[in-house]
Amino acid sequence: MMLQPYVENSIWHGILPMSTQGHVAITVEPGNSADRVLVRIVDDGIGVDQSMRSKPEPEGDHISRGIEITKGRADVLRKLEVTDIRIDGPHQWHDWSPAGSWAPG
């Protein structure tokens, strides 16, 4: 449930606008301590910058509700001391061609 909005954004805004086949990778690896994991969602799509430029002007101010809701859930879980989940991203990778994006969870 926490990863879905990021994977969906990778597909809708990064992969589908491409004229060729793209890829989305989800990796899970140990974090910097025993009680942590790092989840990374990476795509080789058109990138955040290109996606924003290709949208009609009124949608340029669009805020992903799924991502905002997910960040809000993480905030609530931290405040309730259920978990210390941290969400960072999405980020633009400028050294890829085409420029993809990544969102570590």
Protein backbone atom coordinates (compact mmCIF):
# COMPACT_ATOMS: atom_id res chain seq x y z
CA MET A 1 0.00 0.00 0.00
CA MET A 2 2.87 2.40 0.70
CA LEU A 3 4.74 1.60 -2.54
CA GLN A 4 1.77 1.60 -4.93
CA PRO A 5 1.55 5.37 -5.63
CA TYR A 6 5.26 5.51 -6.49
CA VAL A 7 5.13 2.49 -8.79
CA GLU A 8 1.98 3.87 -10.43
CA ASN A 9 3.64 7.26 -11.00
CA SER A 10 6.67 5.55 -12.56
CA ILE A 11 4.40 3.75 -15.00
CA TRP A 12 1.92 6.53 -15.83
CA HIS A 13 4.32 9.47 -15.99
CA GLY A 14 7.63 7.82 -16.84
CA ILE A 15 7.11 4.65 -18.86
CA LEU A 16 3.82 5.07 -20.76
CA PRO A 17 4.83 8.32 -22.54
CA MET A 18 7.89 6.59 -24.02
CA SER A 19 7.98 5.42 -27.63
CA THR A 20 10.02 2.36 -26.57
CA GLN A 21 9.65 -0.21 -23.83
CA GLY A 22 10.68 0.97 -20.38
CA HIS A 23 11.40 -0.74 -17.10
CA VAL A 24 10.49 -0.25 -13.45
CA ALA A 25 12.64 -1.99 -10.84
CA ILE A 26 11.76 -2.41 -7.18
CA THR A 27 14.68 -3.37 -4.94
CA VAL A 28 14.74 -4.13 -1.24
CA GLU A 29 18.06 -4.19 0.59
CA PRO A 30 19.33 -3.94 4.16
CA GLY A 31 19.34 -0.46 5.63
CA ASN A 32 22.03 1.23 7.67
CA SER A 33 20.97 -0.63 10.84
CA ALA A 34 19.53 -4.06 11.69
CA ASP A 35 15.97 -2.75 11.99
CA ARG A 36 15.96 -0.90 8.64
CA VAL A 37 15.35 -1.78 5.02
CA LEU A 38 15.79 0.39 1.96
CA VAL A 39 13.15 0.06 -0.74
CA ARG A 40 14.00 1.73 -4.02
CA ILE A 41 11.73 2.16 -7.04
CA VAL A 42 13.66 3.08 -10.18
CA ASP A 43 12.41 3.59 -13.73
CA ASP A 44 14.16 4.44 -16.98
CA GLY A 45 11.25 6.55 -18.22
CA ILE A 46 11.17 10.09 -19.56
CA GLY A 47 11.91 11.64 -16.17
CA VAL A 48 10.10 14.06 -13.91
CA ASP A 49 11.31 17.18 -15.75
CA GLN A 50 10.16 15.98 -19.19
CA SER A 51 6.88 14.68 -17.78
CA MET A 52 6.12 18.10 -16.25
CA ARG A 53 7.01 19.92 -19.49
CA SER A 54 4.71 17.70 -21.54
CA LYS A 55 1.60 18.39 -19.43
CA PRO A 56 -0.96 21.06 -20.30
CA GLU A 57 -0.46 24.25 -18.25
CA PRO A 58 -3.36 23.76 -15.77
CA GLU A 59 -1.98 20.37 -14.75
CA GLY A 60 1.48 21.83 -14.10
CA ASP A 61 0.37 22.51 -10.53
CA HIS A 62 -0.94 18.95 -10.10
CA ILE A 63 -0.07 17.31 -6.80
CA SER A 64 -0.15 13.53 -6.70
CA ARG A 65 -2.79 12.75 -4.12
CA GLY A 66 -1.54 9.16 -3.74
CA ILE A 67 1.96 10.30 -2.86
CA GLU A 68 0.71 13.02 -0.51
CA ILE A 69 -1.61 10.55 1.25
CA THR A 70 1.22 8.03 1.57
CA LYS A 71 3.56 10.63 3.05
CA GLY A 72 0.78 11.57 5.48
CA ARG A 73 0.39 7.92 6.52
CA ALA A 74 4.12 7.72 7.19
CA ASP A 75 3.90 10.89 9.32
CA VAL A 76 1.04 9.41 11.37
CA LEU A 77 2.90 6.13 11.90
CA ARG A 78 5.96 8.04 13.12
CA LYS A 79 3.88 10.19 15.48
CA LEU A 80 2.17 7.09 16.91
CA GLU A 81 5.64 5.54 17.30
CA VAL A 82 4.49 2.49 15.34
CA THR A 83 7.41 2.77 12.94
CA ASP A 84 10.02 5.26 11.83
CA ILE A 85 9.27 5.01 8.11
CA ARG A 86 10.93 7.67 5.95
CA ILE A 87 9.95 8.51 2.38
CA ASP A 88 12.29 10.45 0.14
CA GLY A 89 11.54 11.23 -3.49
CA PRO A 90 10.77 11.02 -6.28
CA HIS A 91 14.08 12.30 -7.62
CA GLN A 92 15.26 13.03 -11.13
CA TRP A 93 18.32 11.16 -12.42
CA HIS A 94 20.07 13.49 -14.85
CA ASP A 95 22.84 11.11 -15.88
CA TRP A 96 20.48 8.54 -17.45
CA SER A 97 19.40 8.60 -21.06
CA PRO A 98 16.46 8.83 -21.11
CA ALA A 99 16.29 10.51 -17.71
CA GLY A 100 14.41 8.23 -15.35
CA SER A 101 13.35 8.78 -11.80
CA TRP A 102 13.73 7.02 -8.48
CA ALA A 103 11.87 7.03 -5.21
CA PRO A 104 13.52 5.36 -2.25
CA GLY A 105 11.02 4.30 0.36
